[in-house]
Amino acid sequence: MRFFNHWLTAAISCGVCVMAGCAGRGPVTTGPTAPVSPAPIPTTAKAKFAYTANQGASLSGYSVDTSTGVLTALSGFPLTLGANPEVIAADPQSRFLFVGDIALSELHVFTIDNSTGALSEIGTSPYATVHEPITIVVDPSGTHVYVASMGSNSVGGFSLDATGALTPIAGSPFATSGTQSFGDDVVINAAGTFLYVQDLANIYTYSVSASSGALTLVQTVAAPLSVGGIALDPHGTYLYAVGPAANSLQTYTVNASTGLLRLTGVSPMLEHSGAYTISISPTGLFAYTIENNNDLVSYALDSGVFTPVGSVYAHVYGQRIGIDPSGSFVYVPQACGNCASSVSNYVNEFSIGPTGALTQIPGSPVAAGTTPWGIAFTTQ
């Protein structure tokens, strides 16, 4: 399965390589001219706690130093959980933590102690969910939770009440129009009106019912081949997509009224060997990918166009890239359970400079449980 196969190709140690040979490789766009990006979004939120879901049946918890970005392990962690808790998300109000177990097809719900970061699983948890949950997203209002499936061409939807209890939304799970399993990513726009899912071949656009949270499929468009990742810019103007079989970063413009996507730009990847994941900073100015299997690459974003910046950090093998809510720090769980070296099972820590370039935080990396995979933050 995917989460075992990726272990075998992970890198062993940390290092830095400075980008070279970039002359003449600037980004290009294709198709109709894309709209100009709005001004950067100011960020006031700051991270308080961070959590990783570890494939070795545990969760790790950390406090976040908002000045330095350093993660410090919380008392009581790692916390033993399930069989393979791979995906994780917190609601925007920082009340609950949701953890998907890909081996047991279960969804765990924890309340978060705002003072200590301690987790308490609610009495009705875990919940049965879609087959092999691979990504979780909570809508901006904190009233609905959506889970993409790696093995059933569908998205599960739940209503979330004030206690953390989940109730399946009528009609859930919601089918995609595709026949390819291995869905890899799910994102929702800032208004909570449209949701997007990526699988091996396509990106699916769903409208979200304001009253019930039910999903209606409204569009299917081709995506970069093979499992990769998608990300929305915080303005909702663009959706970005990558895949390990692609050598480009694809930009889709988003129709604000209908949510429909239109491919309007293609930027070359710095490393022509595909990307496994992509994350966008809260300001919308920067993007980060894992390319060439285990290299962390930084880009500046302007009008949907990617320009490489700074250094490439080699031997950073991750399936999820976490960016703290302030947009100051990047964290990559080192998803490497079978590395030949003992240097594994940790979280890489970086600070973001004014150009988007990364600098490894002194003392990085920090220890985690066995094979950390997903990462989530709460805010102060």
Protein backbone atom coordinates (compact mmCIF):
# COMPACT_ATOMS: atom_id res chain seq x y z
CA MET A 1 0.00 0.00 0.00
CA ARG A 2 1.07 3.63 -0.51
CA PHE A 3 1.97 4.31 3.09
CA PHE A 4 4.35 1.35 3.17
CA ASN A 5 5.86 1.83 -0.29
CA HIS A 6 6.85 5.43 0.43
CA TRP A 7 8.92 4.34 3.41
CA LEU A 8 11.25 2.42 1.14
CA THR A 9 12.24 5.44 -0.91
CA ALA A 10 12.70 7.93 1.89
CA ALA A 11 16.01 9.64 2.47
CA ILE A 12 18.26 9.09 5.43
CA SER A 13 19.88 12.26 6.71
CA CYS A 14 19.36 16.01 6.65
CA GLY A 15 21.35 18.38 4.46
CA VAL A 16 21.15 21.50 2.38
CA CYS A 17 21.95 22.06 -1.26
CA VAL A 18 21.92 25.46 -2.88
CA MET A 19 19.91 25.70 -6.07
CA ALA A 20 22.04 25.76 -9.18
CA GLY A 21 21.52 25.86 -12.88
CA CYS A 22 18.29 27.86 -12.64
CA ALA A 23 19.13 30.34 -15.39
CA GLY A 24 16.70 30.14 -18.25
CA ARG A 25 14.26 28.10 -16.19
CA GLY A 26 11.93 30.86 -15.14
CA PRO A 27 8.21 30.16 -14.82
CA VAL A 28 5.94 30.33 -17.83
CA THR A 29 2.19 30.53 -18.23
CA THR A 30 -0.03 28.94 -20.82
CA GLY A 31 -3.57 29.61 -21.94
CA PRO A 32 -5.58 32.74 -21.10
CA THR A 33 -3.94 35.40 -18.97
CA ALA A 34 -4.50 34.72 -15.30
CA PRO A 35 -5.91 37.45 -13.03
CA VAL A 36 -3.47 39.46 -10.97
CA SER A 37 -3.07 38.25 -7.39
CA PRO A 38 -4.65 40.47 -4.72
CA ALA A 39 -2.51 42.06 -2.04
CA PRO A 40 -1.00 39.72 0.56
CA ILE A 41 -3.34 38.72 3.35
CA PRO A 42 -2.15 40.08 6.72
CA THR A 43 -1.83 37.37 9.37
CA THR A 44 -2.54 37.92 13.05
CA ALA A 45 -3.07 34.33 14.23
CA LYS A 46 -0.24 32.51 15.99
CA ALA A 47 0.24 28.81 16.60
CA LYS A 48 -0.07 27.48 20.14
CA PHE A 49 0.15 23.70 19.80
CA ALA A 50 1.18 21.33 17.00
CA TYR A 51 0.32 17.65 16.64
CA THR A 52 1.53 14.91 14.32
CA ALA A 53 -0.22 11.67 13.43
CA ASN A 54 2.36 8.89 13.47
CA GLN A 55 1.91 5.73 11.42
CA GLY A 56 3.46 3.80 14.30
CA ALA A 57 0.13 3.99 16.20
CA SER A 58 0.64 7.24 18.11
CA LEU A 59 0.20 11.01 18.21
CA SER A 60 2.92 13.53 19.08
CA GLY A 61 2.15 16.89 20.67
CA TYR A 62 4.22 20.09 20.92
CA SER A 63 4.02 23.65 22.15
CA VAL A 64 5.10 26.23 19.55
CA ASP A 65 7.46 29.09 20.37
CA THR A 66 5.94 31.92 18.36
CA SER A 67 9.23 33.85 18.27
CA THR A 68 11.63 31.10 17.22
CA GLY A 69 9.34 28.41 15.80
CA VAL A 70 10.90 25.77 18.04
CA LEU A 71 8.66 22.84 18.91
CA THR A 72 8.81 21.48 22.47
CA ALA A 73 7.28 18.10 23.26
CA LEU A 74 4.21 18.23 25.51
CA SER A 75 3.93 16.09 28.61
CA GLY A 76 2.09 12.82 27.99
CA PHE A 77 3.12 12.43 24.35
CA PRO A 78 3.53 10.41 22.20
CA LEU A 79 -0.01 9.21 22.85
CA THR A 80 -0.76 5.62 21.78
CA LEU A 81 -3.61 5.42 19.27
CA GLY A 82 -5.13 2.87 16.89
CA ALA A 83 -3.21 1.00 14.22
CA ASN A 84 -2.13 3.61 11.65
CA PRO A 85 -3.28 7.16 12.46
CA GLU A 86 -1.99 8.96 9.39
CA VAL A 87 -4.10 12.08 8.80
CA ILE A 88 -4.91 14.86 11.25
CA ALA A 89 -6.71 18.21 11.37
CA ALA A 90 -7.91 20.73 13.96
CA ASP A 91 -11.07 22.79 13.63
CA PRO A 92 -10.52 26.53 12.98
CA GLN A 93 -11.74 27.31 16.50
CA SER A 94 -9.04 25.05 18.05
CA ARG A 95 -11.58 23.05 20.06
CA PHE A 96 -11.12 19.60 18.56
CA LEU A 97 -8.50 17.42 16.90
CA PHE A 98 -9.56 14.88 14.26
CA VAL A 99 -7.38 11.88 13.44
CA GLY A 100 -8.02 9.38 10.64
CA ASP A 101 -6.73 5.81 10.99
CA ILE A 102 -6.03 4.59 7.46
CA ALA A 103 -5.71 0.93 8.51
CA LEU A 104 -8.94 0.75 10.52
CA SER A 105 -10.99 3.29 8.50
CA GLU A 106 -11.86 5.13 11.70
CA LEU A 107 -12.07 8.81 12.63
CA HIS A 108 -11.03 9.78 16.18
CA VAL A 109 -12.18 13.02 17.83
CA PHE A 110 -10.34 14.65 20.75
CA THR A 111 -11.05 17.76 22.77
CA ILE A 112 -8.01 20.02 23.20
CA ASP A 113 -7.09 21.54 26.55
CA ASN A 114 -6.34 25.13 25.62
CA SER A 115 -3.93 25.56 28.52
CA THR A 116 -1.85 22.39 28.36
CA GLY A 117 -2.48 20.96 24.89
CA ALA A 118 -3.60 17.67 26.43
CA LEU A 119 -6.05 15.60 24.40
CA SER A 120 -9.16 13.78 25.64
CA GLU A 121 -11.01 11.47 23.27
CA ILE A 122 -14.78 12.08 23.36
CA GLY A 123 -16.98 9.20 24.50
CA THR A 124 -18.55 8.42 21.11
CA SER A 125 -15.18 8.30 19.30
CA PRO A 126 -13.91 6.65 17.15
CA TYR A 127 -16.39 6.82 14.26
CA ALA A 128 -16.58 4.60 11.21
CA THR A 129 -15.65 6.61 8.13
CA VAL A 130 -14.76 6.19 4.46
CA HIS A 131 -12.43 3.37 3.46
CA GLU A 132 -8.81 4.33 4.17
CA PRO A 133 -9.16 8.01 5.15
CA ILE A 134 -6.33 9.95 3.57
CA THR A 135 -7.12 13.65 4.23
CA ILE A 136 -9.38 15.60 6.60
CA VAL A 137 -10.69 19.15 6.34
CA VAL A 138 -13.01 21.11 8.65
CA ASP A 139 -15.18 23.87 7.21
CA PRO A 140 -14.41 27.45 8.36
CA SER A 141 -17.46 27.63 10.62
CA GLY A 142 -16.41 24.47 12.46
CA THR A 143 -19.73 22.76 11.83
CA HIS A 144 -18.81 20.11 9.24
CA VAL A 145 -15.93 17.67 8.76
CA TYR A 146 -14.99 16.05 5.45
CA VAL A 147 -12.77 13.01 4.92
CA ALA A 148 -11.33 11.93 1.55
CA SER A 149 -10.96 8.22 0.90
CA MET A 150 -7.90 6.51 -0.53
CA GLY A 151 -9.84 3.43 -1.54
CA SER A 152 -13.46 4.20 -2.39
CA ASN A 153 -13.71 7.17 -4.80
CA SER A 154 -15.71 9.14 -2.28
CA VAL A 155 -15.76 11.85 0.38
CA GLY A 156 -17.30 11.33 3.80
CA GLY A 157 -19.15 14.20 5.45
CA PHE A 158 -20.13 14.73 9.09
CA SER A 159 -21.97 17.40 11.05
CA LEU A 160 -20.02 18.53 14.11
CA ASP A 161 -21.75 19.69 17.28
CA ALA A 162 -20.45 21.76 20.18
CA THR A 163 -19.32 18.65 22.10
CA GLY A 164 -17.28 17.25 19.20
CA ALA A 165 -19.80 14.55 18.36
CA LEU A 166 -20.14 13.67 14.67
CA THR A 167 -23.28 12.76 12.72
CA PRO A 168 -23.07 11.57 9.10
CA ILE A 169 -24.52 14.09 6.65
CA ALA A 170 -27.46 12.74 4.66
CA GLY A 171 -26.14 11.29 1.38
CA SER A 172 -22.61 10.72 2.73
CA PRO A 173 -20.29 9.35 1.46
CA PHE A 174 -20.42 11.52 -1.66
CA ALA A 175 -19.08 9.82 -4.78
CA THR A 176 -16.62 11.27 -7.23
CA SER A 177 -17.23 10.82 -10.96
CA GLY A 178 -13.95 8.95 -11.37
CA THR A 179 -12.85 5.34 -11.27
CA GLN A 180 -9.40 5.99 -9.79
CA SER A 181 -8.93 5.24 -6.11
CA PHE A 182 -6.13 6.70 -4.02
CA GLY A 183 -7.67 10.10 -3.43
CA ASP A 184 -4.93 12.22 -1.93
CA ASP A 185 -6.15 15.65 -0.93
CA VAL A 186 -9.23 17.62 0.05
CA VAL A 187 -9.49 21.41 0.58
CA ILE A 188 -12.34 23.83 1.22
CA ASN A 189 -12.52 27.53 0.39
CA ALA A 190 -12.54 30.27 3.03
CA ALA A 191 -16.27 30.85 2.61
CA GLY A 192 -17.06 27.17 3.09
CA THR A 193 -19.04 27.11 -0.16
CA PHE A 194 -16.87 24.87 -2.37
CA LEU A 195 -14.81 21.78 -1.68
CA TYR A 196 -12.15 20.20 -3.93
CA VAL A 197 -10.84 16.64 -4.00
CA GLN A 198 -7.89 15.21 -5.94
CA ASP A 199 -7.35 11.58 -6.94
CA LEU A 200 -4.94 9.82 -9.31
CA ALA A 201 -6.38 11.50 -12.39
CA ASN A 202 -8.81 14.32 -11.60
CA ILE A 203 -9.82 17.21 -9.39
CA TYR A 204 -13.48 17.26 -8.35
CA THR A 205 -15.39 20.41 -7.46
CA TYR A 206 -18.33 20.16 -5.05
CA SER A 207 -20.74 22.85 -3.95
CA VAL A 208 -21.46 22.76 -0.21
CA SER A 209 -24.99 23.16 1.13
CA ALA A 210 -25.04 26.07 3.57
CA SER A 211 -27.72 24.39 5.68
CA SER A 212 -26.78 20.71 5.74
CA GLY A 213 -23.17 20.58 4.57
CA ALA A 214 -24.13 18.10 1.85
CA LEU A 215 -21.91 17.99 -1.25
CA THR A 216 -23.02 18.24 -4.87
CA LEU A 217 -20.51 17.39 -7.60
CA VAL A 218 -20.43 20.24 -10.14
CA GLN A 219 -17.19 19.68 -12.09
CA THR A 220 -14.45 17.19 -12.92
CA VAL A 221 -11.18 18.41 -14.44
CA ALA A 222 -7.94 16.64 -15.30
CA ALA A 223 -5.19 16.87 -12.66
CA PRO A 224 -1.47 16.10 -12.66
CA LEU A 225 -1.13 12.32 -12.95
CA SER A 226 -0.54 10.10 -9.93
CA VAL A 227 -1.01 10.95 -6.28
CA GLY A 228 0.10 14.49 -5.44
CA GLY A 229 -1.55 17.40 -3.71
CA ILE A 230 -3.74 20.46 -4.12
CA ALA A 231 -3.84 23.77 -2.27
CA LEU A 232 -6.00 26.89 -2.38
CA ASP A 233 -4.53 30.34 -2.15
CA PRO A 234 -6.12 32.17 0.82
CA HIS A 235 -7.93 34.66 -1.42
CA GLY A 236 -9.73 31.79 -3.18
CA THR A 237 -8.48 33.08 -6.55
CA TYR A 238 -6.36 30.07 -7.46
CA LEU A 239 -6.13 26.36 -6.85
CA TYR A 240 -2.70 24.77 -7.30
CA ALA A 241 -2.02 21.11 -8.11
CA VAL A 242 1.05 18.87 -8.26
CA GLY A 243 1.76 15.19 -8.80
CA PRO A 244 4.83 12.92 -8.77
CA ALA A 245 4.29 12.04 -12.42
CA ALA A 246 4.24 15.72 -13.45
CA ASN A 247 7.12 18.07 -14.13
CA SER A 248 5.06 21.21 -13.66
CA LEU A 249 3.08 23.16 -11.10
CA GLN A 250 -0.45 23.73 -12.38
CA THR A 251 -2.50 26.83 -11.63
CA TYR A 252 -6.31 26.83 -11.94
CA THR A 253 -8.31 30.02 -11.59
CA VAL A 254 -11.40 29.68 -9.42
CA ASN A 255 -14.71 31.25 -10.41
CA ALA A 256 -15.80 33.03 -7.24
CA SER A 257 -19.50 32.52 -7.96
CA THR A 258 -19.57 28.93 -9.22
CA GLY A 259 -16.37 27.48 -7.77
CA LEU A 260 -15.49 26.06 -11.18
CA LEU A 261 -11.84 25.60 -12.12
CA ARG A 262 -10.03 26.60 -15.31
CA LEU A 263 -6.41 25.69 -16.02
CA THR A 264 -4.70 29.00 -16.77
CA GLY A 265 -1.05 28.55 -15.88
CA VAL A 266 1.78 26.05 -15.85
CA SER A 267 5.10 26.75 -14.11
CA PRO A 268 8.08 24.40 -14.42
CA MET A 269 9.13 22.51 -11.32
CA LEU A 270 12.62 23.26 -10.15
CA GLU A 271 13.35 19.53 -10.03
CA HIS A 272 11.85 17.68 -12.99
CA SER A 273 10.83 14.60 -11.08
CA GLY A 274 7.39 15.37 -9.70
CA ALA A 275 6.09 16.55 -6.34
CA TYR A 276 4.24 14.68 -3.61
CA THR A 277 2.60 17.58 -1.82
CA ILE A 278 2.14 21.36 -1.85
CA SER A 279 1.35 23.95 0.83
CA ILE A 280 0.65 27.68 0.49
CA SER A 281 1.54 30.28 3.12
CA PRO A 282 -1.36 32.10 4.85
CA THR A 283 -0.33 35.31 3.06
CA GLY A 284 -0.65 33.62 -0.34
CA LEU A 285 2.87 34.76 -1.28
CA PHE A 286 4.83 31.51 -0.98
CA ALA A 287 4.54 27.82 -1.84
CA TYR A 288 6.44 24.77 -0.66
CA THR A 289 6.70 21.33 -2.26
CA ILE A 290 8.49 18.02 -1.80
CA GLU A 291 10.14 17.20 -5.14
CA ASN A 292 12.49 14.49 -6.38
CA ASN A 293 11.07 12.23 -3.65
CA ASN A 294 12.79 13.99 -0.72
CA ASP A 295 13.77 17.59 -1.48
CA LEU A 296 11.98 20.55 0.09
CA VAL A 297 11.64 23.35 -2.50
CA SER A 298 10.49 26.95 -1.95
CA TYR A 299 8.68 29.22 -4.43
CA ALA A 300 7.47 32.80 -4.52
CA LEU A 301 3.98 33.22 -5.95
CA ASP A 302 2.79 36.09 -8.13
CA SER A 303 -0.41 36.03 -10.19
CA GLY A 304 -0.45 32.23 -10.00
CA VAL A 305 3.14 31.92 -11.27
CA PHE A 306 5.83 30.05 -9.30
CA THR A 307 9.42 31.33 -9.04
CA PRO A 308 12.01 29.24 -7.13
CA VAL A 309 13.65 31.03 -4.18
CA GLY A 310 16.35 30.22 -1.67
CA SER A 311 17.92 26.84 -1.05
CA VAL A 312 16.65 23.34 -1.61
CA TYR A 313 16.76 21.23 1.55
CA ALA A 314 17.66 17.68 0.60
CA HIS A 315 16.63 14.51 2.45
CA VAL A 316 13.40 16.02 3.73
CA TYR A 317 10.91 13.28 3.01
CA GLY A 318 7.34 14.27 3.79
CA GLN A 319 3.79 13.71 2.62
CA ARG A 320 2.47 16.80 4.37
CA ILE A 321 4.04 20.25 4.79
CA GLY A 322 2.72 22.26 7.72
CA ILE A 323 2.84 26.07 7.77
CA ASP A 324 2.03 27.76 11.08
CA PRO A 325 -0.96 30.15 11.13
CA SER A 326 1.28 33.24 11.28
CA GLY A 327 3.07 32.22 8.08
CA SER A 328 6.44 32.40 9.83
CA PHE A 329 7.48 28.75 10.02
CA VAL A 330 7.40 25.53 7.98
CA TYR A 331 7.32 22.04 9.49
CA VAL A 332 7.74 18.75 7.64
CA PRO A 333 7.18 15.42 9.43
CA GLN A 334 9.91 13.01 8.30
CA ALA A 335 7.73 10.13 7.08
CA CYS A 336 10.48 7.53 7.08
CA GLY A 337 9.83 4.42 9.12
CA ASN A 338 12.27 2.05 7.39
CA CYS A 339 15.28 4.30 6.86
CA ALA A 340 18.62 2.49 7.05
CA SER A 341 19.83 5.18 9.43
CA SER A 342 18.52 5.79 12.92
CA VAL A 343 18.06 9.43 11.93
CA SER A 344 14.32 9.32 11.33
CA ASN A 345 11.04 9.78 13.17
CA TYR A 346 11.27 13.52 13.64
CA VAL A 347 9.83 16.85 12.46
CA ASN A 348 11.95 19.23 10.37
CA GLU A 349 11.66 22.91 11.41
CA PHE A 350 12.30 25.97 9.22
CA SER A 351 11.74 29.72 9.42
CA ILE A 352 10.35 31.67 6.44
CA GLY A 353 12.32 34.71 5.27
CA PRO A 354 10.90 37.82 3.60
CA THR A 355 11.38 36.32 0.11
CA GLY A 356 9.86 32.96 1.08
CA ALA A 357 13.26 31.28 1.35
CA LEU A 358 13.67 28.85 4.24
CA THR A 359 16.30 28.64 6.96
CA GLN A 360 16.58 25.59 9.18
CA ILE A 361 15.79 26.47 12.79
CA PRO A 362 18.73 25.91 15.18
CA GLY A 363 18.29 22.60 16.97
CA SER A 364 16.07 21.17 14.23
CA PRO A 365 14.80 18.50 13.84
CA VAL A 366 12.68 17.59 16.87
CA ALA A 367 11.84 13.99 17.81
CA ALA A 368 8.43 12.53 16.98
CA GLY A 369 6.76 9.13 17.15
CA THR A 370 7.37 6.38 14.61
CA THR A 371 6.83 7.62 11.04
CA PRO A 372 5.12 10.99 11.56
CA TRP A 373 2.85 11.74 8.60
CA GLY A 374 0.24 14.47 9.04
CA ILE A 375 0.56 17.68 11.06
CA ALA A 376 -1.99 20.14 12.49
CA PHE A 377 -1.89 23.36 14.51
CA THR A 378 -4.10 25.12 17.01
CA THR A 379 -4.10 28.90 17.40
CA GLN A 380 -3.80 31.15 20.43
